[in-house]
N, C-alpha and C. Protein backbone atom coordinates (compact mmCIF):
# COMPACT_ATOMS: atom_id res chain seq x y z
N UNK A 1 56.49 36.40 104.94
CA UNK A 1 56.88 37.23 106.10
C UNK A 1 57.48 36.15 107.32
N UNK A 2 58.63 36.39 107.60
CA UNK A 2 59.21 35.67 108.40
C UNK A 2 59.19 35.89 110.01
N UNK A 3 59.64 34.98 110.53
CA UNK A 3 59.54 34.91 112.14
C UNK A 3 60.00 36.34 112.59
N UNK A 4 61.64 36.48 112.22
CA UNK A 4 62.16 37.86 112.71
C UNK A 4 61.38 39.34 112.40
N UNK A 5 60.77 39.16 111.25
CA UNK A 5 60.02 40.39 110.35
C UNK A 5 59.01 40.51 111.30
N UNK A 6 58.28 39.49 111.74
CA UNK A 6 57.21 39.63 112.41
C UNK A 6 57.15 39.98 113.70
N UNK A 7 58.24 39.73 114.35
CA UNK A 7 58.25 40.12 115.92
C UNK A 7 59.09 41.59 115.74
N UNK A 8 59.31 41.89 114.94
CA UNK A 8 60.04 43.25 114.50
C UNK A 8 58.76 44.12 114.23
N UNK A 9 57.68 44.00 113.55
CA UNK A 9 56.70 44.68 113.26
C UNK A 9 55.87 44.78 114.88
N UNK A 10 55.95 43.75 115.49
CA UNK A 10 55.13 43.82 116.76
C UNK A 10 55.82 44.61 117.70
N UNK A 11 56.98 44.81 117.98
CA UNK A 11 57.73 45.41 118.69
C UNK A 11 57.82 47.08 118.24
N UNK A 12 57.82 47.20 116.86
CA UNK A 12 57.74 48.53 116.52
C UNK A 12 56.35 49.05 116.76
N UNK A 13 55.30 48.18 116.41
CA UNK A 13 53.93 48.92 116.83
C UNK A 13 53.65 49.26 118.20
N UNK A 14 54.28 48.30 119.26
CA UNK A 14 54.25 48.41 120.43
C UNK A 14 55.00 50.15 120.91
N UNK A 15 56.08 50.27 120.43
CA UNK A 15 56.80 51.37 120.41
C UNK A 15 56.13 52.79 119.85
N UNK A 16 55.43 52.40 118.73
CA UNK A 16 54.46 53.36 118.30
C UNK A 16 53.20 53.71 118.86
N UNK A 17 52.63 52.76 119.63
CA UNK A 17 51.66 53.09 120.56
C UNK A 17 51.92 54.07 121.88
N UNK A 18 53.18 53.73 122.00
CA UNK A 18 53.85 54.44 123.38
C UNK A 18 54.17 55.76 122.77
N UNK A 19 54.41 56.04 121.67
CA UNK A 19 55.08 57.22 120.93
C UNK A 19 53.68 58.27 120.90
N UNK A 20 52.63 57.56 120.43
CA UNK A 20 51.56 58.21 120.26
C UNK A 20 50.78 58.75 121.48
N UNK A 21 50.86 57.98 122.48
CA UNK A 21 50.61 58.43 124.00
C UNK A 21 51.58 59.42 124.44
N UNK A 22 52.54 59.55 124.31
CA UNK A 22 53.52 60.61 124.58
C UNK A 22 52.93 61.75 123.94
N UNK A 23 52.86 61.81 122.68
CA UNK A 23 52.35 63.07 121.86
C UNK A 23 50.89 63.63 122.42
N UNK A 24 50.11 62.73 122.79
CA UNK A 24 49.02 63.02 123.39
C UNK A 24 49.33 63.75 124.69
N UNK A 25 50.28 63.43 125.52
CA UNK A 25 50.63 63.93 126.78
C UNK A 25 51.18 65.33 126.56
N UNK A 26 51.96 65.58 125.33
CA UNK A 26 52.21 66.95 125.01
C UNK A 26 50.87 67.88 124.43
N UNK A 27 50.30 67.42 123.96
CA UNK A 27 48.88 67.91 123.32
C UNK A 27 48.36 68.51 124.68
N UNK A 28 48.15 67.76 125.89
CA UNK A 28 47.40 67.87 126.97
C UNK A 28 48.15 68.51 127.97
N UNK A 29 49.49 68.91 127.65
CA UNK A 29 50.43 69.53 128.39
C UNK A 29 51.03 68.94 129.49
N UNK A 30 50.52 67.59 129.62
CA UNK A 30 51.25 66.81 130.91
C UNK A 30 52.70 66.68 130.66
N UNK A 31 53.32 66.93 129.26
CA UNK A 31 54.95 67.04 129.05
C UNK A 31 54.80 68.26 128.32
N UNK A 32 55.90 69.27 129.00
CA UNK A 32 56.05 70.35 128.13
C UNK A 32 56.60 70.14 126.96
N UNK A 33 55.93 70.95 125.93
CA UNK A 33 56.34 71.03 124.65
C UNK A 33 57.83 71.65 124.19
N UNK A 34 58.51 72.41 125.07
CA UNK A 34 59.39 72.94 124.98
C UNK A 34 60.75 72.19 124.99
N UNK A 35 60.33 70.97 125.44
CA UNK A 35 61.71 69.93 125.40
C UNK A 35 61.51 68.85 124.07
N UNK A 36 60.30 69.47 123.21
CA UNK A 36 60.46 68.33 122.19
C UNK A 36 60.64 69.34 120.77
N UNK A 37 60.55 68.66 119.70
CA UNK A 37 61.03 69.27 118.33
C UNK A 37 62.12 70.01 118.05
N UNK A 38 63.04 69.66 118.99
CA UNK A 38 64.55 70.39 119.21
C UNK A 38 64.51 71.54 119.78
N UNK A 39 63.34 71.86 120.61
CA UNK A 39 63.15 73.03 121.14
C UNK A 39 62.95 74.20 120.34
N UNK A 40 62.33 73.87 119.52
CA UNK A 40 62.31 74.90 118.47
C UNK A 40 60.64 75.46 118.58
N UNK A 41 59.68 74.90 119.05
CA UNK A 41 58.43 75.47 119.05
C UNK A 41 58.26 76.59 120.19
N UNK A 42 57.55 77.58 119.68
CA UNK A 42 57.47 78.85 120.28
C UNK A 42 56.18 79.16 121.03
N UNK A 43 55.26 78.49 120.70
CA UNK A 43 53.76 78.48 121.27
C UNK A 43 52.98 77.63 120.94
N UNK A 44 51.72 77.59 121.61
CA UNK A 44 50.73 76.62 121.62
C UNK A 44 50.23 76.26 120.14
N UNK A 45 50.25 77.09 119.49
CA UNK A 45 49.25 76.96 118.07
C UNK A 45 50.73 76.07 117.32
N UNK A 46 51.80 76.32 117.44
CA UNK A 46 52.98 75.40 116.58
C UNK A 46 52.67 74.08 117.28
N UNK A 47 52.82 74.33 118.46
CA UNK A 47 52.65 72.75 119.06
C UNK A 47 51.33 71.92 118.70
N UNK A 48 50.25 72.38 118.60
CA UNK A 48 48.88 71.85 118.10
C UNK A 48 49.16 71.07 116.68
N UNK A 49 49.96 72.06 115.93
CA UNK A 49 50.08 71.43 114.60
C UNK A 49 51.01 70.50 114.60
N UNK A 50 52.27 70.49 115.01
CA UNK A 50 53.20 69.77 115.14
C UNK A 50 52.78 68.17 115.52
N UNK A 51 52.22 68.41 116.62
CA UNK A 51 51.73 67.23 117.36
C UNK A 51 50.67 66.33 116.81
N UNK A 52 49.61 67.33 116.09
CA UNK A 52 48.61 66.52 115.52
C UNK A 52 49.27 65.77 114.34
N UNK A 53 50.10 66.73 113.28
CA UNK A 53 50.48 65.93 112.36
C UNK A 53 51.43 64.76 113.21
N UNK A 54 52.35 64.76 113.99
CA UNK A 54 53.14 63.66 114.51
C UNK A 54 52.11 62.39 114.79
N UNK A 55 51.03 62.90 115.39
CA UNK A 55 49.95 61.66 115.76
C UNK A 55 49.65 60.80 114.45
N UNK A 56 49.37 61.70 113.50
CA UNK A 56 48.81 61.28 112.05
C UNK A 56 49.72 60.35 111.39
N UNK A 57 50.78 60.75 111.51
CA UNK A 57 52.04 60.25 110.95
C UNK A 57 52.44 58.63 111.38
N UNK A 58 52.55 58.72 112.69
CA UNK A 58 52.30 57.49 113.58
C UNK A 58 51.31 56.69 113.54
N UNK A 59 50.10 56.91 113.25
CA UNK A 59 48.99 56.23 112.93
C UNK A 59 49.25 55.48 111.57
N UNK A 60 49.41 56.50 110.63
CA UNK A 60 49.62 55.84 109.41
C UNK A 60 50.66 54.67 109.03
N UNK A 61 51.85 55.13 109.88
CA UNK A 61 53.06 54.28 109.92
C UNK A 61 52.38 52.90 110.50
N UNK A 62 51.65 53.03 111.87
CA UNK A 62 51.24 51.75 112.53
C UNK A 62 50.36 51.07 111.49
N UNK A 63 49.44 51.85 110.55
CA UNK A 63 48.64 51.15 109.78
C UNK A 63 49.24 50.34 108.48
N UNK A 64 50.27 50.88 108.06
CA UNK A 64 51.31 50.37 106.82
C UNK A 64 51.64 49.01 107.61
N UNK A 65 52.13 49.10 108.86
CA UNK A 65 53.01 48.24 109.32
C UNK A 65 52.19 46.80 109.63
N UNK A 66 50.80 47.12 110.00
CA UNK A 66 49.72 46.10 110.22
C UNK A 66 49.60 45.62 108.92
N UNK A 67 49.61 46.43 107.82
CA UNK A 67 49.41 45.79 106.39
C UNK A 67 50.64 44.75 106.01
N UNK A 68 51.99 45.39 106.61
CA UNK A 68 52.87 44.53 106.14
C UNK A 68 53.06 43.16 106.83
N UNK A 69 52.43 43.22 108.16
CA UNK A 69 52.28 41.83 109.07
C UNK A 69 50.95 41.02 108.83
N UNK A 70 50.44 41.59 107.69
CA UNK A 70 48.82 41.03 107.26
C UNK A 70 48.09 40.95 108.71
N UNK A 71 48.06 42.05 109.58
CA UNK A 71 47.10 41.91 110.45
C UNK A 71 45.84 42.35 110.11
N UNK A 72 45.61 43.16 109.25
CA UNK A 72 44.47 43.69 108.55
C UNK A 72 44.21 43.18 107.34
N UNK A 73 42.83 43.54 107.13
CA UNK A 73 42.37 42.94 105.79
C UNK A 73 42.41 43.95 104.75
N UNK A 74 42.13 45.04 104.99
CA UNK A 74 42.28 46.01 103.78
C UNK A 74 43.86 46.43 103.52
N UNK A 75 44.23 46.45 102.48
CA UNK A 75 45.87 46.59 102.18
C UNK A 75 46.12 47.46 101.13
N UNK A 76 47.11 48.09 101.02
CA UNK A 76 47.82 48.60 99.61
C UNK A 76 48.26 47.50 99.16
N UNK A 77 48.81 47.50 98.17
CA UNK A 77 49.69 46.30 97.32
C UNK A 77 50.85 46.43 98.25
N UNK A 78 51.48 45.02 98.00
CA UNK A 78 52.60 44.65 99.04
C UNK A 78 54.06 45.78 98.18
N UNK A 79 53.86 46.19 97.18
CA UNK A 79 54.83 46.79 96.55
C UNK A 79 54.68 48.39 97.07
N UNK A 80 53.39 48.81 97.31
CA UNK A 80 53.27 50.14 97.88
C UNK A 80 53.79 50.11 99.27
N UNK A 81 53.17 49.21 100.09
CA UNK A 81 53.88 49.08 101.40
C UNK A 81 55.34 48.96 101.57
N UNK A 82 55.95 48.55 100.86
CA UNK A 82 57.44 48.34 100.76
C UNK A 82 57.94 49.69 100.49
N UNK A 83 57.28 50.28 99.67
CA UNK A 83 57.86 51.59 99.16
C UNK A 83 57.82 52.47 100.52
N UNK A 84 56.76 52.67 100.96
CA UNK A 84 56.00 53.48 102.06
C UNK A 84 57.11 53.10 103.25
N UNK A 85 57.40 51.91 103.62
CA UNK A 85 58.42 51.52 104.52
C UNK A 85 59.69 52.11 104.24
N UNK A 86 60.24 52.25 102.75
CA UNK A 86 61.60 52.25 102.39
C UNK A 86 61.55 53.90 102.70
N UNK A 87 60.56 54.70 102.59
CA UNK A 87 60.58 56.04 102.69
C UNK A 87 60.65 56.37 104.18
N UNK A 88 59.92 55.74 105.27
CA UNK A 88 60.02 55.93 106.56
C UNK A 88 61.36 55.54 106.91
N UNK A 89 61.85 54.54 106.46
CA UNK A 89 63.56 54.18 106.76
C UNK A 89 64.44 55.20 106.53
N UNK A 90 64.37 55.88 105.46
CA UNK A 90 65.11 56.97 105.09
C UNK A 90 64.77 58.08 106.12
N UNK A 91 63.54 58.36 106.37
CA UNK A 91 63.32 59.46 107.40
C UNK A 91 63.82 59.10 108.61
N UNK A 92 63.88 58.04 109.21
CA UNK A 92 64.23 57.49 110.61
C UNK A 92 65.82 58.07 110.68
N UNK A 93 66.55 57.43 109.59
CA UNK A 93 67.87 57.70 109.17
C UNK A 93 68.24 59.44 109.47
N UNK A 94 67.57 59.80 108.47
CA UNK A 94 67.71 61.47 108.85
C UNK A 94 67.21 62.03 110.09
N UNK A 95 66.14 61.59 110.60
CA UNK A 95 65.92 61.97 112.11
C UNK A 95 66.77 61.52 112.99
N UNK A 96 67.36 60.62 112.88
CA UNK A 96 68.44 60.34 114.01
C UNK A 96 69.82 61.25 113.91
N UNK A 97 70.00 61.47 112.97
CA UNK A 97 70.90 62.73 112.66
C UNK A 97 70.66 63.95 113.15
N UNK A 98 69.43 64.09 112.85
CA UNK A 98 68.65 65.38 113.36
C UNK A 98 68.56 65.30 114.81
N UNK A 99 68.41 64.40 115.47
CA UNK A 99 68.32 64.27 117.01
C UNK A 99 69.52 64.37 117.65
N UNK A 100 70.45 63.82 116.96
CA UNK A 100 71.80 63.98 117.38
C UNK A 100 72.19 65.57 117.70
N UNK A 101 71.82 66.30 116.75
CA UNK A 101 72.40 67.86 116.85
C UNK A 101 70.86 68.59 117.38
N UNK A 102 70.07 68.00 117.98
CA UNK A 102 68.83 68.89 118.44
C UNK A 102 69.49 69.72 119.64
N UNK A 103 68.74 70.73 120.13
CA UNK A 103 69.07 71.67 121.12
C UNK A 103 69.01 71.13 122.61
N UNK A 104 67.95 70.25 122.75
CA UNK A 104 67.89 69.68 124.16
C UNK A 104 68.39 68.20 124.35
N UNK A 105 68.89 68.26 125.36
CA UNK A 105 69.59 66.80 125.64
C UNK A 105 68.34 65.49 125.53
N UNK A 106 66.82 66.20 125.72
CA UNK A 106 65.92 65.22 125.96
C UNK A 106 65.78 65.02 124.59
N UNK A 107 65.78 65.40 123.64
CA UNK A 107 65.62 65.23 121.99
C UNK A 107 66.64 64.41 121.77
N UNK A 108 67.94 64.84 122.20
CA UNK A 108 69.20 63.82 121.73
C UNK A 108 69.12 62.39 122.08
N UNK A 109 68.49 62.19 123.15
CA UNK A 109 68.13 61.04 123.53
C UNK A 109 67.29 60.03 122.74
N UNK A 110 66.28 60.87 121.87
CA UNK A 110 65.55 60.21 120.82
C UNK A 110 66.19 59.63 119.50
N UNK A 111 67.64 60.14 119.59
CA UNK A 111 68.61 59.66 118.56
C UNK A 111 68.38 57.96 118.76
N UNK A 112 68.77 57.36 119.91
CA UNK A 112 68.58 56.04 120.07
C UNK A 112 67.54 55.60 119.68
N UNK A 113 66.38 56.17 119.91
CA UNK A 113 65.09 55.48 119.44
C UNK A 113 64.82 55.58 117.91
N UNK A 114 65.20 56.39 117.42
CA UNK A 114 64.97 56.69 115.98
C UNK A 114 65.91 55.62 115.21
N UNK A 115 66.96 55.68 115.97
CA UNK A 115 68.23 54.39 115.37
C UNK A 115 67.81 53.16 115.64
N UNK A 116 67.06 52.68 116.44
CA UNK A 116 66.30 51.66 116.97
C UNK A 116 65.14 51.28 115.80
N UNK A 117 64.46 52.26 115.81
CA UNK A 117 63.38 52.18 114.55
C UNK A 117 63.99 52.08 113.28
N UNK A 118 65.05 52.41 112.78
CA UNK A 118 65.75 52.18 111.62
C UNK A 118 66.37 50.76 111.31
N UNK A 119 67.07 50.32 112.61
CA UNK A 119 67.03 48.94 112.62
C UNK A 119 65.81 47.89 112.59
N UNK A 120 64.87 48.22 113.14
CA UNK A 120 63.53 47.44 113.15
C UNK A 120 63.19 47.48 111.36
N UNK A 121 63.15 48.52 110.91
CA UNK A 121 62.52 48.74 109.52
C UNK A 121 63.53 48.01 108.66
N UNK A 122 64.65 48.12 109.11
CA UNK A 122 65.71 47.11 108.25
C UNK A 122 65.61 45.80 108.00
N UNK A 123 65.10 45.18 109.45
CA UNK A 123 64.95 43.93 109.62
C UNK A 123 63.49 43.70 108.79
N UNK A 124 62.44 44.57 108.93
CA UNK A 124 61.39 44.26 108.14
C UNK A 124 61.67 44.09 106.66
N UNK A 125 62.30 45.05 106.19
CA UNK A 125 62.37 45.01 104.63
C UNK A 125 63.81 44.47 104.08
N UNK A 126 64.48 44.02 104.88
CA UNK A 126 65.85 43.50 104.13
C UNK A 126 65.64 42.53 103.16
N UNK A 127 64.60 41.75 103.29
CA UNK A 127 64.41 40.56 102.38
C UNK A 127 63.35 41.13 101.59
N UNK A 128 62.87 42.13 101.46
CA UNK A 128 61.85 42.77 100.85
C UNK A 128 60.85 41.81 100.15
N UNK A 129 60.45 40.51 100.52
CA UNK A 129 59.42 39.47 100.30
C UNK A 129 57.97 40.27 100.26
N UNK A 130 57.47 39.76 99.07
CA UNK A 130 56.08 40.30 99.03
C UNK A 130 55.32 39.50 99.96
N UNK A 131 54.37 40.22 100.63
CA UNK A 131 53.57 39.17 101.69
C UNK A 131 51.97 39.77 101.40
């Protein structure tokens, strides 16, 4: 793990923590859900399902990044960690495109964030060194 990758992981983990907090704010209705998910959620039940899935995915990604950075003892194999991160890289690229075409301007702004996440993942994976 090189210096740049290690810092990219730490930056990414900080953002993921903020995103998880953001999704908890949606679940507790501090932030209205109609400005998220491309403006497509129509009721509280949909919101609870989507937000719970989102939190779980973000926690999983955080855990995988902690493995990649050697911050946790229990780990998947390095190859599995890299495959998972490449899948997330593809998802963030697609999500960036999706956010650009979202219904709300608020959601469109997230294209910058998901694009930034794609860059961070590229920095983490580009050398694809087994760690």
